[in-house]
Every structure is written in C-alpha cells, then in structure tokens.
Protein backbone atom coordinates (compact mmCIF):
# COMPACT_ATOMS: atom_id res chain seq x y z
CA MET A 1 35.77 -4.80 -90.57
CA LYS A 2 33.48 -6.57 -88.09
CA VAL A 3 31.69 -4.24 -85.70
CA LEU A 4 29.68 -5.19 -82.64
CA PRO A 5 25.96 -4.44 -83.21
CA PHE A 6 25.77 -1.61 -80.69
CA LEU A 7 28.77 0.07 -82.36
CA GLU A 8 27.14 0.28 -85.80
CA ILE A 9 26.33 3.93 -85.06
CA ILE A 10 30.05 4.76 -85.19
CA ARG A 11 31.05 2.33 -87.97
CA GLU A 12 32.26 5.16 -90.20
CA GLU A 13 34.49 6.59 -87.48
CA LEU A 14 35.87 3.15 -86.57
CA SER A 15 36.70 2.53 -90.23
CA LYS A 16 38.71 5.75 -90.25
CA VAL A 17 40.45 4.67 -87.05
CA GLU A 18 41.31 1.35 -88.71
CA GLU A 19 42.84 3.11 -91.70
CA LEU A 20 44.85 5.38 -89.45
CA ILE A 21 46.09 2.50 -87.28
CA LEU A 22 47.41 0.60 -90.29
CA SER A 23 48.95 3.67 -91.93
CA GLU A 24 50.65 4.66 -88.68
CA SER A 25 52.13 1.23 -87.94
CA SER A 26 54.67 1.03 -90.78
CA LEU A 27 58.25 0.00 -90.05
CA SER A 28 61.14 0.47 -92.46
CA TYR A 29 61.99 -3.26 -92.42
CA LYS A 30 59.16 -4.71 -94.51
CA PRO A 31 59.08 -8.33 -93.22
CA LEU A 32 58.76 -7.15 -89.60
CA ALA A 33 56.26 -4.49 -90.66
CA GLU A 34 54.11 -7.21 -92.21
CA SER A 35 54.19 -9.20 -88.97
CA VAL A 36 53.12 -6.15 -86.96
CA GLU A 37 50.33 -5.45 -89.45
CA ALA A 38 49.09 -9.02 -89.08
CA ILE A 39 48.91 -8.49 -85.31
CA LEU A 40 46.96 -5.27 -85.78
CA LYS A 41 44.51 -6.99 -88.14
CA SER A 42 44.05 -10.08 -85.99
CA GLY A 43 40.52 -9.54 -84.78
CA GLY A 44 40.69 -7.12 -81.88
CA LYS A 45 37.32 -5.71 -80.86
CA ARG A 46 38.55 -2.08 -80.99
CA LEU A 47 36.75 -1.32 -77.74
CA ARG A 48 39.16 1.37 -76.60
CA PRO A 49 38.89 3.51 -79.74
CA ALA A 50 35.13 2.92 -79.75
CA LEU A 51 35.04 4.20 -76.18
CA THR A 52 36.89 7.38 -77.15
CA ILE A 53 34.57 8.04 -80.06
CA LEU A 54 31.36 7.31 -78.14
CA ALA A 55 32.49 9.54 -75.27
CA SER A 56 33.27 12.35 -77.70
CA LYS A 57 29.79 12.11 -79.26
CA LEU A 58 27.82 12.83 -76.09
CA TYR A 59 28.54 16.53 -76.55
CA PRO A 60 29.54 18.52 -79.67
CA ALA A 61 33.07 17.56 -80.71
CA ASP A 62 35.69 17.76 -83.45
CA SER A 63 35.27 14.26 -84.86
CA GLU A 64 38.63 14.26 -86.65
CA ARG A 65 40.56 14.88 -83.44
CA ALA A 66 38.54 12.17 -81.71
CA ILE A 67 39.43 9.70 -84.47
CA ILE A 68 43.13 10.56 -84.15
CA ALA A 69 42.98 10.11 -80.37
CA ALA A 70 41.09 6.83 -80.75
CA ALA A 71 43.80 5.50 -83.07
CA ALA A 72 46.44 6.57 -80.53
CA MET A 73 44.74 4.56 -77.80
CA GLU A 74 44.47 1.46 -79.96
CA LEU A 75 48.14 1.64 -80.98
CA LEU A 76 49.08 2.09 -77.32
CA HIS A 77 47.03 -1.02 -76.52
CA ALA A 78 48.67 -2.98 -79.37
CA ALA A 79 52.15 -1.98 -78.18
CA THR A 80 51.41 -3.18 -74.65
CA LEU A 81 50.20 -6.53 -76.02
CA ILE A 82 53.41 -7.01 -78.00
CA HIS A 83 55.48 -6.35 -74.87
CA ASP A 84 53.14 -8.52 -72.76
CA ASP A 85 53.60 -11.46 -75.10
CA PHE A 86 57.35 -10.94 -75.06
CA ILE A 87 57.48 -10.85 -71.25
CA ASP A 88 55.22 -13.92 -70.96
CA GLN A 89 56.90 -15.69 -73.90
CA SER A 90 53.45 -16.42 -75.31
CA SER A 91 53.50 -18.21 -78.65
CA THR A 92 50.03 -17.20 -79.87
CA ARG A 93 47.46 -14.45 -79.37
CA ARG A 94 43.96 -14.60 -80.85
CA GLY A 95 45.05 -17.79 -82.54
CA ILE A 96 47.95 -16.32 -84.53
CA PRO A 97 51.70 -16.40 -83.81
CA THR A 98 53.04 -13.62 -81.60
CA LEU A 99 55.95 -11.49 -82.72
CA ASN A 100 58.24 -13.11 -80.16
CA SER A 101 57.54 -16.53 -81.69
CA LEU A 102 58.73 -15.23 -85.07
CA TRP A 103 61.43 -12.64 -84.40
CA PRO A 104 64.49 -12.17 -82.17
CA PRO A 105 63.97 -10.41 -78.82
CA ALA A 106 65.51 -7.09 -79.86
CA ALA A 107 63.23 -6.83 -82.89
CA VAL A 108 60.13 -7.52 -80.78
CA VAL A 109 61.01 -4.90 -78.17
CA LEU A 110 61.80 -2.30 -80.82
CA ALA A 111 58.59 -3.06 -82.74
CA GLY A 112 56.61 -2.47 -79.56
CA ASP A 113 58.57 0.72 -78.89
CA HIS A 114 57.83 1.88 -82.43
CA LEU A 115 54.09 1.51 -81.82
CA PHE A 116 54.41 3.39 -78.52
CA ALA A 117 56.13 6.24 -80.38
CA ARG A 118 53.52 6.33 -83.14
CA ALA A 119 50.74 6.32 -80.56
CA ALA A 120 52.36 9.23 -78.73
CA SER A 121 52.76 11.09 -81.99
CA LEU A 122 49.06 10.72 -82.71
CA ALA A 123 48.15 11.86 -79.21
CA ALA A 124 50.23 14.99 -79.79
CA MET A 125 48.47 15.59 -83.12
CA THR A 126 45.23 16.27 -81.25
CA GLY A 127 46.78 19.55 -80.17
CA SER A 128 45.56 19.03 -76.62
CA PRO A 129 48.16 19.12 -73.82
CA ARG A 130 45.58 17.49 -71.54
CA VAL A 131 45.18 14.55 -73.93
CA VAL A 132 48.96 14.09 -74.06
CA LYS A 133 49.11 14.19 -70.26
CA ILE A 134 46.34 11.58 -69.93
CA PHE A 135 48.07 9.40 -72.53
CA ALA A 136 51.41 9.62 -70.70
CA GLN A 137 49.84 8.86 -67.32
CA ALA A 138 48.11 5.78 -68.76
CA LEU A 139 51.38 4.49 -70.20
CA LYS A 140 53.17 5.10 -66.90
CA THR A 141 50.46 3.22 -64.99
CA ILE A 142 50.52 0.28 -67.41
CA CYS A 143 54.30 -0.07 -67.07
CA ASP A 144 54.10 0.12 -63.27
CA GLY A 145 51.45 -2.60 -63.25
CA GLU A 146 53.54 -4.85 -65.45
CA ILE A 147 56.58 -4.41 -63.18
CA ARG A 148 54.46 -5.19 -60.13
CA GLN A 149 53.04 -8.30 -61.79
CA LEU A 150 56.48 -9.46 -62.92
CA PHE A 151 58.02 -9.32 -59.47
CA GLY A 152 54.95 -10.74 -57.75
CA ALA A 153 54.60 -13.79 -59.98
CA PHE A 154 54.66 -17.32 -58.51
CA GLY A 155 54.34 -16.06 -54.96
CA TRP A 156 51.70 -17.28 -52.51
CA PRO A 157 49.88 -16.01 -50.59
CA GLN A 158 49.16 -12.92 -52.67
CA ASP A 159 47.22 -9.81 -51.72
CA GLN A 160 43.73 -9.44 -53.23
CA GLU A 161 44.02 -5.65 -53.07
CA ASP A 162 47.17 -5.94 -55.13
CA TYR A 163 45.11 -7.87 -57.69
CA TYR A 164 42.69 -4.95 -58.02
CA TYR A 165 45.58 -2.56 -58.51
CA ARG A 166 47.08 -4.83 -61.16
CA ILE A 167 43.87 -5.05 -63.19
CA TYR A 168 43.49 -1.28 -62.94
CA ALA A 169 47.04 -0.77 -64.15
CA LYS A 170 46.91 -3.49 -66.80
CA THR A 171 43.47 -2.85 -68.27
CA SER A 172 41.24 -0.31 -66.56
CA SER A 173 43.66 2.61 -66.80
CA LEU A 174 43.52 2.41 -70.60
CA PHE A 175 39.71 2.18 -70.66
CA GLU A 176 39.63 5.09 -68.21
CA ALA A 177 41.98 7.19 -70.35
CA SER A 178 40.09 6.36 -73.56
CA ALA A 179 36.80 7.56 -72.11
CA GLU A 180 38.31 10.63 -70.45
CA ILE A 181 40.05 11.70 -73.66
CA GLY A 182 36.77 11.44 -75.58
CA GLY A 183 35.16 13.79 -73.10
CA VAL A 184 38.10 16.20 -73.19
CA LEU A 185 37.91 16.46 -76.99
CA SER A 186 34.25 17.46 -76.84
CA ASP A 187 32.52 20.37 -75.21
CA ALA A 188 31.68 18.23 -72.20
CA PRO A 189 31.62 19.98 -68.82
CA GLU A 190 34.24 18.85 -66.32
CA GLU A 191 31.65 16.91 -64.33
CA ALA A 192 30.84 14.86 -67.43
CA ILE A 193 34.53 14.24 -68.18
CA GLN A 194 35.03 12.89 -64.66
CA ALA A 195 31.91 10.72 -65.03
CA LEU A 196 33.27 9.23 -68.26
CA LYS A 197 36.60 8.59 -66.55
CA GLU A 198 34.80 6.75 -63.74
CA TYR A 199 32.75 4.81 -66.28
CA GLY A 200 35.91 3.72 -68.10
CA LYS A 201 37.64 2.57 -64.93
CA ASN A 202 34.69 0.43 -63.82
CA LEU A 203 34.16 -0.93 -67.33
CA GLY A 204 37.83 -1.93 -67.45
CA ASN A 205 37.61 -3.69 -64.09
CA ALA A 206 34.58 -5.68 -65.26
CA PHE A 207 36.24 -6.50 -68.58
CA GLN A 208 39.44 -7.78 -66.97
CA ILE A 209 37.62 -9.86 -64.35
CA ILE A 210 35.65 -11.59 -67.12
CA ASP A 211 38.93 -12.14 -68.98
CA ASP A 212 40.23 -13.79 -65.82
CA VAL A 213 37.10 -15.95 -65.59
CA LEU A 214 37.39 -16.98 -69.24
CA ASP A 215 40.97 -18.03 -68.55
CA PHE A 216 39.37 -20.88 -66.56
CA THR A 217 36.11 -21.46 -68.44
CA GLY A 218 36.73 -20.36 -72.03
CA ASP A 219 37.10 -22.57 -75.06
CA GLU A 220 40.79 -22.83 -75.93
CA GLU A 221 40.20 -22.65 -79.69
CA THR A 222 37.97 -19.59 -79.39
CA MET A 223 40.31 -17.87 -76.94
CA GLY A 224 43.39 -18.69 -78.98
CA LYS A 225 45.34 -19.74 -75.88
CA PRO A 226 45.29 -22.61 -73.33
CA THR A 227 43.16 -22.38 -70.20
CA GLY A 228 45.03 -21.40 -67.07
CA SER A 229 47.39 -19.11 -68.98
CA ASP A 230 47.67 -16.68 -66.09
CA LEU A 231 48.60 -19.41 -63.62
CA ARG A 232 51.20 -20.66 -66.08
CA GLN A 233 52.79 -17.22 -65.76
CA GLY A 234 52.50 -17.39 -61.95
CA VAL A 235 49.76 -14.75 -61.93
CA VAL A 236 46.92 -15.21 -59.43
CA THR A 237 43.54 -13.76 -60.42
CA LEU A 238 40.16 -13.21 -58.77
CA PRO A 239 38.76 -16.74 -59.29
CA VAL A 240 41.74 -18.10 -57.35
CA PHE A 241 41.06 -15.78 -54.42
CA TYR A 242 37.37 -16.71 -54.38
CA PHE A 243 38.30 -20.39 -54.62
CA VAL A 244 40.23 -20.07 -51.36
CA GLU A 245 37.56 -17.90 -49.70
CA SER A 246 34.88 -20.47 -50.53
CA GLY A 247 36.82 -23.31 -48.89
CA GLY A 248 38.96 -24.57 -51.77
CA ASP A 249 42.13 -26.50 -51.08
CA GLU A 250 44.86 -23.88 -50.83
CA SER A 251 47.57 -26.53 -51.14
CA LEU A 252 46.55 -27.04 -54.77
CA ILE A 253 47.50 -23.42 -55.51
CA VAL A 254 50.89 -23.78 -53.82
CA LYS A 255 51.46 -27.01 -55.72
CA ALA A 256 50.58 -25.45 -59.09
CA LEU A 257 52.78 -22.41 -58.53
CA LYS A 258 55.75 -24.19 -56.97
CA ALA A 259 55.75 -27.59 -58.71
CA ARG A 260 58.82 -28.89 -60.50
CA PRO A 261 58.63 -28.49 -64.30
CA GLU A 262 57.82 -32.16 -64.93
CA GLU A 263 54.90 -32.05 -62.46
CA ARG A 264 53.63 -28.57 -63.10
CA GLU A 265 51.27 -29.21 -66.02
CA THR A 266 49.36 -31.90 -64.11
CA ALA A 267 49.12 -29.66 -61.04
CA LEU A 268 47.91 -26.72 -63.13
CA ARG A 269 45.22 -28.73 -64.89
CA GLU A 270 43.96 -30.11 -61.59
CA LEU A 271 43.69 -26.62 -60.09
CA VAL A 272 42.02 -25.16 -63.19
CA GLU A 273 39.44 -27.97 -63.15
CA LYS A 274 38.71 -27.48 -59.44
CA ILE A 275 38.26 -23.73 -59.85
CA ARG A 276 36.15 -24.10 -62.99
CA ASN A 277 33.69 -26.30 -61.10
CA SER A 278 33.61 -24.20 -57.93
CA SER A 279 31.54 -21.23 -56.77
CA ALA A 280 34.56 -19.03 -57.48
CA ILE A 281 33.42 -18.55 -61.08
CA ASN A 282 29.95 -17.25 -60.20
CA LEU A 283 31.36 -15.07 -57.43
CA SER A 284 33.83 -13.53 -59.87
CA VAL A 285 31.13 -12.90 -62.48
CA LYS A 286 28.98 -11.26 -59.80
CA GLU A 287 31.89 -8.97 -58.93
CA ALA A 288 32.24 -8.02 -62.60
CA MET A 289 28.52 -7.27 -62.77
CA ASN A 290 28.86 -4.97 -59.77
CA PHE A 291 31.49 -2.98 -61.65
CA VAL A 292 29.20 -2.82 -64.70
CA GLU A 293 26.43 -1.33 -62.58
CA LYS A 294 28.89 1.24 -61.20
CA ALA A 295 29.90 2.12 -64.77
CA LYS A 296 26.29 2.64 -65.83
CA GLU A 297 25.51 4.67 -62.73
CA ALA A 298 28.48 6.96 -63.39
CA ILE A 299 27.02 8.12 -66.72
CA SER A 300 23.35 8.10 -65.71
CA PHE A 301 23.14 11.92 -65.73
CA LEU A 302 24.78 12.39 -69.14
CA PRO A 303 22.70 13.29 -72.22
CA GLN A 304 20.20 10.53 -72.97
CA ASN A 305 20.95 9.66 -76.59
CA GLN A 306 22.08 6.76 -78.77
CA TYR A 307 25.70 7.20 -77.72
CA ARG A 308 24.96 6.87 -74.02
CA SER A 309 22.83 3.81 -74.89
CA ALA A 310 25.83 2.36 -76.73
CA LEU A 311 28.03 2.96 -73.68
CA ARG A 312 25.51 1.07 -71.56
CA ALA A 313 25.45 -1.76 -74.11
CA LEU A 314 29.25 -1.85 -74.08
CA ALA A 315 29.15 -2.29 -70.30
CA ASP A 316 26.74 -5.19 -70.66
CA PHE A 317 28.92 -6.76 -73.35
CA ALA A 318 31.86 -6.75 -70.94
CA VAL A 319 30.19 -9.43 -68.80
CA GLU A 320 28.09 -11.23 -71.43
CA ARG A 321 30.88 -12.08 -73.88
CA ASN A 322 32.50 -15.49 -74.18
CA TYR A 323 35.74 -14.41 -75.86
C-alpha cells in the first residue's frame, strides 16, 4: 500500500484500515463483489481514514476503535463515489471502469447501498453514540448536497454561495466528520474536538477547490477523466465564477451549458481553454490556500507533536498536489 510521506507515522494503522475495508466490502454475488473490490483498491489516497487516525493520536486513545471508525469513513466515501458515478454516468474513475459502466443500474445502486450499510455497521461498532450521530449527519449532508447539485445543474447564472455549500456538503462535511470522530474517540477536551472539526471543514474546502482547479488544468491521463468534467455535468465551480469576476466572456459559459449536443463539445473545450489561461486559476488556488491557513490556525493550540505536524503537512498537500 502506497502511503504519502507524512503519513508514514501511521502506516501500521492505515494497513489495518485497508484490511478492514476489504473484509467489510464483501457481497454475496462474487462477480459484483470483485468489481467493488477493484474500486476500493484503485489508488485512493485514504485521506479521510488518515485524518481520523491522526486526530485520535493527539491525545490518548483506543487505537482499535479509531481504526474501525477510520474504515467506516472510507467505506462511506467509497459508497458516495459509486453513487456519484452512477448519477453522473461517468465511465471511469482513477483510470478504471466505474461500476455503472459494467453493471445494470439496480446492481450499482444496491452495491453503493451495501457499502453505506457496512460503513454504518462499523460506526456502530465503535460503541460511541456520538460517533454514530456524526456519521449519520455527514451522510445526510452529503445526500442533501447531491440533491442540490442535481437540480441546480446546467443553470446560469448560479449563486457562488451555493457553490460553497455544495463543496461543504460534497467533500468538506466528510473531512470534518473524520477529524471530529478522531477527537471524540480520544481523551481530547471538547475545545480540541471542535478545533479538529474546524480543521477538517477548512481542509475539505481547500481540497475540493483544488479538485475543481485540476478539472481545468490537470493531465487527463493522470486524473483518469477528461478536463471539464464538472461542466459536462452542468456543474459550475469556483474557477468559472472567478473567470466571470475577472472580466471573462459570460456568453461562453451560457453557450457551453446550453449548447445543442452536436455543438456542446466544441463549446466546452473553448471555455475550458479560456479559463485555464485566465487569472481565475490563480485566484482559485489563492482561495484554497486561505482555507489551508484557516485549517492550520484551528489546530495551532493542540499538542505540538508529530501528529499535529502531519495534520499541517496534510493541509499543505491539499493545495500542492497535482492529482
């Protein structure tokens, strides 16, 4: 298992999480189970379970419960990705075929539901009602964000504040919950738990904004998907808003979102190219860096040890990565 350098200090715990994830993902129908396992093994960075474990290490904790909770958060994340791909009708993720490109719709939905159930079961195994409550709230928020994105797609103009809510619901809420749960499962004081929660939310915002930037600037082979994927789904992200704010031609956005099928690809590529070469990219990265600084500031009073240093490094990685 590949581990980011600053996560080497929790390699043993992440290995146990990996074992638990794979053992808890089994389905009775073997061919579908093998497809789900391939998705789970497909190169995810395991940032959410790492966040739970690091947060639990800042104060004395029951490491086994933290590992179980970390596996729950990763399975929850995997389930949301399966449903995301189904909703978006994406054919690949991380360069491998999605479940919905291989299996009928009912099988895909039920496979995602199965992972949700296994994740919830693991959350319950921690024996902490608060952990279960945090888990349930995160799932509720994710679903609400997906519904909001679904019914807001292809519209223009869109509300930038709605964008921030969507990235919170889609991404940051799970980072937030992962960090909060780690604190809850340790002997952390309530002030520290709330600080970790704030750290996770800001980290998630930065992470998603960089994802949105990479959707315009990333290498298609490395990303495992074509550039402009969000726009292809009718989803407007921060670089688009900054493109307009910095004087970009708004008619190009309308054209890309509203074009007839035979004209849409050309319109999308033109808009992606314009945004890629505009100040919108740097402005978006700067916004992500602001969230990183907020994340670091939130945990500045926590115990100064290798785990807090790793959390700071994780925040930096959120904006420095290229995949």
